Amino acid sequence: MFRILLFLLLGIGAGYLLRHRPVVRLSGYGTRAAVVALLFVFGASIGANRELIASLSRFGLQAVVFALLGVAGSLCAVRVARRLLTRKGGAR
């Protein structure tokens, strides 16, 4: 766990020091590709788990409800954060 936090802090420092370089602006593409790859691997591991697939019908509705509530909560949090972080007229 310490190693993960160390790499996170090193990345934050590198991003701060190199924030005006074009390569840092392109890092968003790499981040998106990594997230898509992680989602694919996660989905593949779920699909390979026979016990989980067998019990999907039993827990499927509950999982959908939790997912929808999680998305709704995130959207509400973003809306509140936008109102708190922006001044009147949309200026920051």
PDB file of N, CA and C in Angstrom:
ATOM      1  N   MET A   1       0.823  -1.195   0.000  1.00  0.00           N
ATOM      2  CA  MET A   1       0.000   0.000   0.000  1.00  0.00           C
ATOM      3  C   MET A   1       0.865   1.256   0.000  1.00  0.00           C
ATOM      4  N   PHE A   2       1.957   1.208   0.762  1.00  0.00           N
ATOM      5  CA  PHE A   2       2.852   2.360   0.820  1.00  0.00           C
ATOM      6  C   PHE A   2       3.447   2.652  -0.551  1.00  0.00           C
ATOM      7  N   ARG A   3       3.773   1.592  -1.287  1.00  0.00           N
ATOM      8  CA  ARG A   3       4.336   1.764  -2.626  1.00  0.00           C
ATOM      9  C   ARG A   3       3.360   2.472  -3.568  1.00  0.00           C
ATOM     10  N   ILE A   4       2.096   2.114  -3.469  1.00  0.00           N
ATOM     11  CA  ILE A   4       1.079   2.730  -4.320  1.00  0.00           C
ATOM     12  C   ILE A   4       0.966   4.216  -4.013  1.00  0.00           C
ATOM     13  N   LEU A   5       0.918   4.557  -2.735  1.00  0.00           N
ATOM     14  CA  LEU A   5       0.842   5.970  -2.357  1.00  0.00           C
ATOM     15  C   LEU A   5       2.099   6.733  -2.765  1.00  0.00           C
ATOM     16  N   LEU A   6       3.249   6.071  -2.662  1.00  0.00           N
ATOM     17  CA  LEU A   6       4.492   6.710  -3.078  1.00  0.00           C
ATOM     18  C   LEU A   6       4.468   7.033  -4.570  1.00  0.00           C
ATOM     19  N   PHE A   7       4.033   6.080  -5.392  1.00  0.00           N
ATOM     20  CA  PHE A   7       3.941   6.327  -6.825  1.00  0.00           C
ATOM     21  C   PHE A   7       2.918   7.413  -7.146  1.00  0.00           C
ATOM     22  N   LEU A   8       1.831   7.441  -6.409  1.00  0.00           N
ATOM     23  CA  LEU A   8       0.832   8.486  -6.594  1.00  0.00           C
ATOM     24  C   LEU A   8       1.433   9.855  -6.303  1.00  0.00           C
ATOM     25  N   LEU A   9       2.143   9.975  -5.188  1.00  0.00           N
ATOM     26  CA  LEU A   9       2.766  11.249  -4.838  1.00  0.00           C
ATOM     27  C   LEU A   9       3.862  11.641  -5.836  1.00  0.00           C
ATOM     28  N   LEU A  10       4.630  10.674  -6.310  1.00  0.00           N
ATOM     29  CA  LEU A  10       5.639  10.965  -7.331  1.00  0.00           C
ATOM     30  C   LEU A  10       4.985  11.454  -8.622  1.00  0.00           C
ATOM     31  N   GLY A  11       3.871  10.840  -8.982  1.00  0.00           N
ATOM     32  CA  GLY A  11       3.145  11.277 -10.173  1.00  0.00           C
ATOM     33  C   GLY A  11       2.587  12.675 -10.029  1.00  0.00           C
ATOM     34  N   ILE A  12       2.077  12.986  -8.857  1.00  0.00           N
ATOM     35  CA  ILE A  12       1.568  14.333  -8.612  1.00  0.00           C
ATOM     36  C   ILE A  12       2.698  15.344  -8.730  1.00  0.00           C
ATOM     37  N   GLY A  13       3.835  15.020  -8.143  1.00  0.00           N
ATOM     38  CA  GLY A  13       4.987  15.920  -8.231  1.00  0.00           C
ATOM     39  C   GLY A  13       5.468  16.106  -9.661  1.00  0.00           C
ATOM     40  N   ALA A  14       5.550  15.014 -10.414  1.00  0.00           N
ATOM     41  CA  ALA A  14       5.983  15.110 -11.811  1.00  0.00           C
ATOM     42  C   ALA A  14       4.982  15.914 -12.631  1.00  0.00           C
ATOM     43  N   GLY A  15       3.704  15.685 -12.396  1.00  0.00           N
ATOM     44  CA  GLY A  15       2.680  16.448 -13.112  1.00  0.00           C
ATOM     45  C   GLY A  15       2.742  17.929 -12.805  1.00  0.00           C
ATOM     46  N   TYR A  16       3.017  18.254 -11.559  1.00  0.00           N
ATOM     47  CA  TYR A  16       3.128  19.658 -11.173  1.00  0.00           C
ATOM     48  C   TYR A  16       4.350  20.315 -11.823  1.00  0.00           C
ATOM     49  N   LEU A  17       5.465  19.621 -11.796  1.00  0.00           N
ATOM     50  CA  LEU A  17       6.689  20.191 -12.366  1.00  0.00           C
ATOM     51  C   LEU A  17       6.632  20.299 -13.891  1.00  0.00           C
ATOM     52  N   LEU A  18       5.928  19.381 -14.532  1.00  0.00           N
ATOM     53  CA  LEU A  18       5.875  19.342 -15.994  1.00  0.00           C
ATOM     54  C   LEU A  18       4.535  19.813 -16.545  1.00  0.00           C
ATOM     55  N   ARG A  19       3.766  20.550 -15.769  1.00  0.00           N
ATOM     56  CA  ARG A  19       2.396  20.884 -16.152  1.00  0.00           C
ATOM     57  C   ARG A  19       2.286  21.734 -17.416  1.00  0.00           C
ATOM     58  N   HIS A  20       3.332  22.445 -17.788  1.00  0.00           N
ATOM     59  CA  HIS A  20       3.267  23.281 -18.988  1.00  0.00           C
ATOM     60  C   HIS A  20       3.831  22.585 -20.222  1.00  0.00           C
ATOM     61  N   ARG A  21       4.244  21.369 -20.096  1.00  0.00           N
ATOM     62  CA  ARG A  21       4.786  20.604 -21.221  1.00  0.00           C
ATOM     63  C   ARG A  21       3.650  19.914 -21.971  1.00  0.00           C
ATOM     64  N   PRO A  22       3.778  19.801 -23.297  1.00  0.00           N
ATOM     65  CA  PRO A  22       2.700  19.159 -24.079  1.00  0.00           C
ATOM     66  C   PRO A  22       2.494  17.689 -23.738  1.00  0.00           C
ATOM     67  N   VAL A  23       3.533  17.006 -23.300  1.00  0.00           N
ATOM     68  CA  VAL A  23       3.391  15.577 -23.013  1.00  0.00           C
ATOM     69  C   VAL A  23       2.443  15.340 -21.842  1.00  0.00           C
ATOM     70  N   VAL A  24       2.389  16.238 -20.901  1.00  0.00           N
ATOM     71  CA  VAL A  24       1.485  16.077 -19.762  1.00  0.00           C
ATOM     72  C   VAL A  24       0.044  16.283 -20.205  1.00  0.00           C
ATOM     73  N   ARG A  25      -0.168  17.192 -21.136  1.00  0.00           N
ATOM     74  CA  ARG A  25      -1.538  17.390 -21.645  1.00  0.00           C
ATOM     75  C   ARG A  25      -2.041  16.158 -22.390  1.00  0.00           C
ATOM     76  N   LEU A  26      -1.120  15.391 -22.969  1.00  0.00           N
ATOM     77  CA  LEU A  26      -1.502  14.177 -23.694  1.00  0.00           C
ATOM     78  C   LEU A  26      -1.720  12.993 -22.758  1.00  0.00           C
ATOM     79  N   SER A  27      -1.403  13.147 -21.494  1.00  0.00           N
ATOM     80  CA  SER A  27      -1.529  12.026 -20.561  1.00  0.00           C
ATOM     81  C   SER A  27      -2.976  11.584 -20.379  1.00  0.00           C
ATOM     82  N   GLY A  28      -3.924  12.442 -20.690  1.00  0.00           N
ATOM     83  CA  GLY A  28      -5.334  12.071 -20.591  1.00  0.00           C
ATOM     84  C   GLY A  28      -5.685  10.888 -21.480  1.00  0.00           C
ATOM     85  N   TYR A  29      -5.043  10.807 -22.648  1.00  0.00           N
ATOM     86  CA  TYR A  29      -5.289   9.671 -23.542  1.00  0.00           C
ATOM     87  C   TYR A  29      -4.787   8.375 -22.907  1.00  0.00           C
ATOM     88  N   GLY A  30      -3.625   8.441 -22.298  1.00  0.00           N
ATOM     89  CA  GLY A  30      -3.082   7.262 -21.627  1.00  0.00           C
ATOM     90  C   GLY A  30      -3.943   6.838 -20.449  1.00  0.00           C
ATOM     91  N   THR A  31      -4.453   7.822 -19.729  1.00  0.00           N
ATOM     92  CA  THR A  31      -5.325   7.523 -18.595  1.00  0.00           C
ATOM     93  C   THR A  31      -6.597   6.838 -19.061  1.00  0.00           C
ATOM     94  N   ARG A  32      -7.194   7.355 -20.119  1.00  0.00           N
ATOM     95  CA  ARG A  32      -8.419   6.732 -20.650  1.00  0.00           C
ATOM     96  C   ARG A  32      -8.149   5.315 -21.117  1.00  0.00           C
ATOM     97  N   ALA A  33      -7.026   5.111 -21.819  1.00  0.00           N
ATOM     98  CA  ALA A  33      -6.687   3.774 -22.308  1.00  0.00           C
ATOM     99  C   ALA A  33      -6.478   2.817 -21.136  1.00  0.00           C
ATOM    100  N   ALA A  34      -5.834   3.271 -20.077  1.00  0.00           N
ATOM    101  CA  ALA A  34      -5.608   2.415 -18.908  1.00  0.00           C
ATOM    102  C   ALA A  34      -6.921   2.056 -18.231  1.00  0.00           C
ATOM    103  N   VAL A  35      -7.844   3.013 -18.118  1.00  0.00           N
ATOM    104  CA  VAL A  35      -9.138   2.740 -17.487  1.00  0.00           C
ATOM    105  C   VAL A  35      -9.934   1.741 -18.329  1.00  0.00           C
ATOM    106  N   VAL A  36      -9.920   1.907 -19.635  1.00  0.00           N
ATOM    107  CA  VAL A  36     -10.629   0.969 -20.514  1.00  0.00           C
ATOM    108  C   VAL A  36     -10.024  -0.429 -20.398  1.00  0.00           C
ATOM    109  N   ALA A  37      -8.700  -0.513 -20.362  1.00  0.00           N
ATOM    110  CA  ALA A  37      -8.041  -1.815 -20.222  1.00  0.00           C
ATOM    111  C   ALA A  37      -8.388  -2.461 -18.886  1.00  0.00           C
ATOM    112  N   LEU A  38      -8.393  -1.674 -17.812  1.00  0.00           N
ATOM    113  CA  LEU A  38      -8.753  -2.222 -16.506  1.00  0.00           C
ATOM    114  C   LEU A  38     -10.196  -2.708 -16.477  1.00  0.00           C
ATOM    115  N   LEU A  39     -11.106  -1.952 -17.081  1.00  0.00           N
ATOM    116  CA  LEU A  39     -12.499  -2.390 -17.136  1.00  0.00           C
ATOM    117  C   LEU A  39     -12.649  -3.683 -17.933  1.00  0.00           C
ATOM    118  N   PHE A  40     -11.899  -3.804 -19.023  1.00  0.00           N
ATOM    119  CA  PHE A  40     -11.951  -5.021 -19.827  1.00  0.00           C
ATOM    120  C   PHE A  40     -11.454  -6.216 -19.026  1.00  0.00           C
ATOM    121  N   VAL A  41     -10.323  -6.053 -18.350  1.00  0.00           N
ATOM    122  CA  VAL A  41      -9.760  -7.148 -17.553  1.00  0.00           C
ATOM    123  C   VAL A  41     -10.699  -7.506 -16.411  1.00  0.00           C
ATOM    124  N   PHE A  42     -11.296  -6.510 -15.783  1.00  0.00           N
ATOM    125  CA  PHE A  42     -12.254  -6.758 -14.711  1.00  0.00           C
ATOM    126  C   PHE A  42     -13.461  -7.536 -15.241  1.00  0.00           C
ATOM    127  N   GLY A  43     -13.978  -7.126 -16.384  1.00  0.00           N
ATOM    128  CA  GLY A  43     -15.103  -7.840 -16.989  1.00  0.00           C
ATOM    129  C   GLY A  43     -14.742  -9.265 -17.370  1.00  0.00           C
ATOM    130  N   ALA A  44     -13.538  -9.447 -17.899  1.00  0.00           N
ATOM    131  CA  ALA A  44     -13.105 -10.795 -18.268  1.00  0.00           C
ATOM    132  C   ALA A  44     -12.971 -11.690 -17.038  1.00  0.00           C
ATOM    133  N   SER A  45     -12.480 -11.136 -15.942  1.00  0.00           N
ATOM    134  CA  SER A  45     -12.353 -11.947 -14.729  1.00  0.00           C
ATOM    135  C   SER A  45     -13.728 -12.289 -14.146  1.00  0.00           C
ATOM    136  N   ILE A  46     -14.667 -11.384 -14.265  1.00  0.00           N
ATOM    137  CA  ILE A  46     -16.033 -11.688 -13.818  1.00  0.00           C
ATOM    138  C   ILE A  46     -16.639 -12.768 -14.705  1.00  0.00           C
ATOM    139  N   GLY A  47     -16.464 -12.640 -16.007  1.00  0.00           N
ATOM    140  CA  GLY A  47     -17.014 -13.625 -16.923  1.00  0.00           C
ATOM    141  C   GLY A  47     -16.409 -15.005 -16.754  1.00  0.00           C
ATOM    142  N   ALA A  48     -15.184 -15.083 -16.290  1.00  0.00           N
ATOM    143  CA  ALA A  48     -14.520 -16.371 -16.095  1.00  0.00           C
ATOM    144  C   ALA A  48     -14.894 -17.034 -14.779  1.00  0.00           C
ATOM    145  N   ASN A  49     -15.514 -16.322 -13.885  1.00  0.00           N
ATOM    146  CA  ASN A  49     -15.876 -16.853 -12.570  1.00  0.00           C
ATOM    147  C   ASN A  49     -17.231 -17.555 -12.675  1.00  0.00           C
ATOM    148  N   ARG A  50     -17.225 -18.868 -12.656  1.00  0.00           N
ATOM    149  CA  ARG A  50     -18.460 -19.648 -12.832  1.00  0.00           C
ATOM    150  C   ARG A  50     -19.451 -19.426 -11.695  1.00  0.00           C
ATOM    151  N   GLU A  51     -18.965 -19.359 -10.477  1.00  0.00           N
ATOM    152  CA  GLU A  51     -19.866 -19.166  -9.330  1.00  0.00           C
ATOM    153  C   GLU A  51     -20.570 -17.813  -9.407  1.00  0.00           C
ATOM    154  N   LEU A  52     -19.831 -16.792  -9.795  1.00  0.00           N
ATOM    155  CA  LEU A  52     -20.426 -15.465  -9.894  1.00  0.00           C
ATOM    156  C   LEU A  52     -21.472 -15.411 -11.007  1.00  0.00           C
ATOM    157  N   ILE A  53     -21.166 -16.004 -12.136  1.00  0.00           N
ATOM    158  CA  ILE A  53     -22.117 -16.030 -13.254  1.00  0.00           C
ATOM    159  C   ILE A  53     -23.365 -16.819 -12.865  1.00  0.00           C
ATOM    160  N   ALA A  54     -23.183 -17.911 -12.137  1.00  0.00           N
ATOM    161  CA  ALA A  54     -24.331 -18.723 -11.717  1.00  0.00           C
ATOM    162  C   ALA A  54     -25.226 -17.956 -10.754  1.00  0.00           C
ATOM    163  N   SER A  55     -24.650 -17.118  -9.902  1.00  0.00           N
ATOM    164  CA  SER A  55     -25.463 -16.385  -8.933  1.00  0.00           C
ATOM    165  C   SER A  55     -25.863 -15.003  -9.426  1.00  0.00           C
ATOM    166  N   LEU A  56     -25.567 -14.690 -10.682  1.00  0.00           N
ATOM    167  CA  LEU A  56     -25.878 -13.374 -11.233  1.00  0.00           C
ATOM    168  C   LEU A  56     -27.374 -13.087 -11.223  1.00  0.00           C
ATOM    169  N   SER A  57     -28.172 -14.089 -11.527  1.00  0.00           N
ATOM    170  CA  SER A  57     -29.618 -13.860 -11.542  1.00  0.00           C
ATOM    171  C   SER A  57     -30.143 -13.553 -10.144  1.00  0.00           C
ATOM    172  N   ARG A  58     -29.483 -14.090  -9.141  1.00  0.00           N
ATOM    173  CA  ARG A  58     -29.918 -13.871  -7.764  1.00  0.00           C
ATOM    174  C   ARG A  58     -29.545 -12.474  -7.269  1.00  0.00           C
ATOM    175  N   PHE A  59     -28.369 -11.995  -7.668  1.00  0.00           N
ATOM    176  CA  PHE A  59     -27.895 -10.703  -7.198  1.00  0.00           C
ATOM    177  C   PHE A  59     -27.953  -9.614  -8.258  1.00  0.00           C
ATOM    178  N   GLY A  60     -28.411  -9.936  -9.429  1.00  0.00           N
ATOM    179  CA  GLY A  60     -28.393  -8.987 -10.543  1.00  0.00           C
ATOM    180  C   GLY A  60     -29.187  -7.717 -10.286  1.00  0.00           C
ATOM    181  N   LEU A  61     -30.414  -7.847  -9.808  1.00  0.00           N
ATOM    182  CA  LEU A  61     -31.251  -6.676  -9.561  1.00  0.00           C
ATOM    183  C   LEU A  61     -30.651  -5.788  -8.478  1.00  0.00           C
ATOM    184  N   GLN A  62     -30.151  -6.413  -7.429  1.00  0.00           N
ATOM    185  CA  GLN A  62     -29.527  -5.649  -6.358  1.00  0.00           C
ATOM    186  C   GLN A  62     -28.302  -4.896  -6.874  1.00  0.00           C
ATOM    187  N   ALA A  63     -27.508  -5.536  -7.720  1.00  0.00           N
ATOM    188  CA  ALA A  63     -26.318  -4.888  -8.275  1.00  0.00           C
ATOM    189  C   ALA A  63     -26.699  -3.711  -9.168  1.00  0.00           C
ATOM    190  N   VAL A  64     -27.753  -3.859  -9.950  1.00  0.00           N
ATOM    191  CA  VAL A  64     -28.205  -2.771 -10.813  1.00  0.00           C
ATOM    192  C   VAL A  64     -28.689  -1.591  -9.972  1.00  0.00           C
ATOM    193  N   VAL A  65     -29.428  -1.879  -8.921  1.00  0.00           N
ATOM    194  CA  VAL A  65     -29.915  -0.805  -8.050  1.00  0.00           C
ATOM    195  C   VAL A  65     -28.746  -0.078  -7.397  1.00  0.00           C
ATOM    196  N   PHE A  66     -27.761  -0.804  -6.883  1.00  0.00           N
ATOM    197  CA  PHE A  66     -26.595  -0.174  -6.272  1.00  0.00           C
ATOM    198  C   PHE A  66     -25.827   0.665  -7.291  1.00  0.00           C
ATOM    199  N   ALA A  67     -25.679   0.148  -8.503  1.00  0.00           N
ATOM    200  CA  ALA A  67     -24.960   0.896  -9.538  1.00  0.00           C
ATOM    201  C   ALA A  67     -25.693   2.186  -9.887  1.00  0.00           C
ATOM    202  N   LEU A  68     -27.002   2.105 -10.055  1.00  0.00           N
ATOM    203  CA  LEU A  68     -27.777   3.306 -10.390  1.00  0.00           C
ATOM    204  C   LEU A  68     -27.751   4.328  -9.259  1.00  0.00           C
ATOM    205  N   LEU A  69     -27.829   3.851  -8.030  1.00  0.00           N
ATOM    206  CA  LEU A  69     -27.758   4.776  -6.895  1.00  0.00           C
ATOM    207  C   LEU A  69     -26.370   5.403  -6.780  1.00  0.00           C
ATOM    208  N   GLY A  70     -25.343   4.643  -7.088  1.00  0.00           N
ATOM    209  CA  GLY A  70     -23.988   5.183  -7.072  1.00  0.00           C
ATOM    210  C   GLY A  70     -23.799   6.264  -8.115  1.00  0.00           C
ATOM    211  N   VAL A  71     -24.300   6.036  -9.320  1.00  0.00           N
ATOM    212  CA  VAL A  71     -24.210   7.037 -10.381  1.00  0.00           C
ATOM    213  C   VAL A  71     -25.020   8.275 -10.008  1.00  0.00           C
ATOM    214  N   ALA A  72     -26.230   8.077  -9.493  1.00  0.00           N
ATOM    215  CA  ALA A  72     -27.064   9.216  -9.092  1.00  0.00           C
ATOM    216  C   ALA A  72     -26.389  10.028  -7.994  1.00  0.00           C
ATOM    217  N   GLY A  73     -25.790   9.360  -7.028  1.00  0.00           N
ATOM    218  CA  GLY A  73     -25.078  10.064  -5.964  1.00  0.00           C
ATOM    219  C   GLY A  73     -23.888  10.838  -6.485  1.00  0.00           C
ATOM    220  N   SER A  74     -23.164  10.259  -7.428  1.00  0.00           N
ATOM    221  CA  SER A  74     -22.022  10.956  -8.020  1.00  0.00           C
ATOM    222  C   SER A  74     -22.472  12.191  -8.785  1.00  0.00           C
ATOM    223  N   LEU A  75     -23.549  12.078  -9.533  1.00  0.00           N
ATOM    224  CA  LEU A  75     -24.059  13.223 -10.283  1.00  0.00           C
ATOM    225  C   LEU A  75     -24.512  14.341  -9.348  1.00  0.00           C
ATOM    226  N   CYS A  76     -25.159  13.969  -8.260  1.00  0.00           N
ATOM    227  CA  CYS A  76     -25.576  14.986  -7.277  1.00  0.00           C
ATOM    228  C   CYS A  76     -24.366  15.656  -6.636  1.00  0.00           C
ATOM    229  N   ALA A  77     -23.338  14.884  -6.319  1.00  0.00           N
ATOM    230  CA  ALA A  77     -22.133  15.445  -5.718  1.00  0.00           C
ATOM    231  C   ALA A  77     -21.433  16.405  -6.673  1.00  0.00           C
ATOM    232  N   VAL A  78     -21.398  16.069  -7.953  1.00  0.00           N
ATOM    233  CA  VAL A  78     -20.785  16.959  -8.947  1.00  0.00           C
ATOM    234  C   VAL A  78     -21.574  18.254  -9.048  1.00  0.00           C
ATOM    235  N   ARG A  79     -22.867  18.144  -9.037  1.00  0.00           N
ATOM    236  CA  ARG A  79     -23.704  19.350  -9.120  1.00  0.00           C
ATOM    237  C   ARG A  79     -23.479  20.274  -7.925  1.00  0.00           C
ATOM    238  N   VAL A  80     -23.417  19.702  -6.736  1.00  0.00           N
ATOM    239  CA  VAL A  80     -23.164  20.493  -5.538  1.00  0.00           C
ATOM    240  C   VAL A  80     -21.769  21.101  -5.589  1.00  0.00           C
ATOM    241  N   ALA A  81     -20.786  20.325  -5.998  1.00  0.00           N
ATOM    242  CA  ALA A  81     -19.410  20.828  -6.072  1.00  0.00           C
ATOM    243  C   ALA A  81     -19.291  21.958  -7.079  1.00  0.00           C
ATOM    244  N   ARG A  82     -19.955  21.832  -8.206  1.00  0.00           N
ATOM    245  CA  ARG A  82     -19.920  22.914  -9.203  1.00  0.00           C
ATOM    246  C   ARG A  82     -20.504  24.200  -8.640  1.00  0.00           C
ATOM    247  N   ARG A  83     -21.602  24.084  -7.938  1.00  0.00           N
ATOM    248  CA  ARG A  83     -22.219  25.286  -7.358  1.00  0.00           C
ATOM    249  C   ARG A  83     -21.329  25.910  -6.303  1.00  0.00           C
ATOM    250  N   LEU A  84     -20.641  25.089  -5.535  1.00  0.00           N
ATOM    251  CA  LEU A  84     -19.786  25.615  -4.491  1.00  0.00           C
ATOM    252  C   LEU A  84     -18.480  26.200  -5.038  1.00  0.00           C
ATOM    253  N   LEU A  85     -17.997  25.643  -6.137  1.00  0.00           N
ATOM    254  CA  LEU A  85     -16.686  26.040  -6.644  1.00  0.00           C
ATOM    255  C   LEU A  85     -16.728  27.104  -7.734  1.00  0.00           C
ATOM    256  N   THR A  86     -17.901  27.417  -8.233  1.00  0.00           N
ATOM    257  CA  THR A  86     -17.989  28.467  -9.258  1.00  0.00           C
ATOM    258  C   THR A  86     -18.736  29.648  -8.697  1.00  0.00           C
ATOM    259  N   ARG A  87     -18.296  30.808  -9.134  1.00  0.00           N
ATOM    260  CA  ARG A  87     -18.965  32.031  -8.683  1.00  0.00           C
ATOM    261  C   ARG A  87     -20.184  32.296  -9.534  1.00  0.00           C
ATOM    262  N   LYS A  88     -20.928  33.296  -9.160  1.00  0.00           N
ATOM    263  CA  LYS A  88     -22.114  33.688  -9.896  1.00  0.00           C
ATOM    264  C   LYS A  88     -21.729  34.065 -11.314  1.00  0.00           C
ATOM    265  N   GLY A  89     -22.448  33.571 -12.299  1.00  0.00           N
ATOM    266  CA  GLY A  89     -22.158  33.863 -13.690  1.00  0.00           C
ATOM    267  C   GLY A  89     -21.256  32.825 -14.332  1.00  0.00           C
ATOM    268  N   GLY A  90     -20.876  31.784 -13.587  1.00  0.00           N
ATOM    269  CA  GLY A  90     -20.082  30.710 -14.153  1.00  0.00           C
ATOM    270  C   GLY A  90     -18.589  30.949 -14.133  1.00  0.00           C
ATOM    271  N   ALA A  91     -18.124  32.085 -13.668  1.00  0.00           N
ATOM    272  CA  ALA A  91     -16.694  32.368 -13.612  1.00  0.00           C
ATOM    273  C   ALA A  91     -16.086  31.659 -12.414  1.00  0.00           C
ATOM    274  N   ARG A  92     -14.830  31.283 -12.542  1.00  0.00           N
ATOM    275  CA  ARG A  92     -14.137  30.600 -11.438  1.00  0.00           C
ATOM    276  C   ARG A  92     -13.379  31.570 -10.601  1.00  0.00           C
TER     277      ARG A  92
END
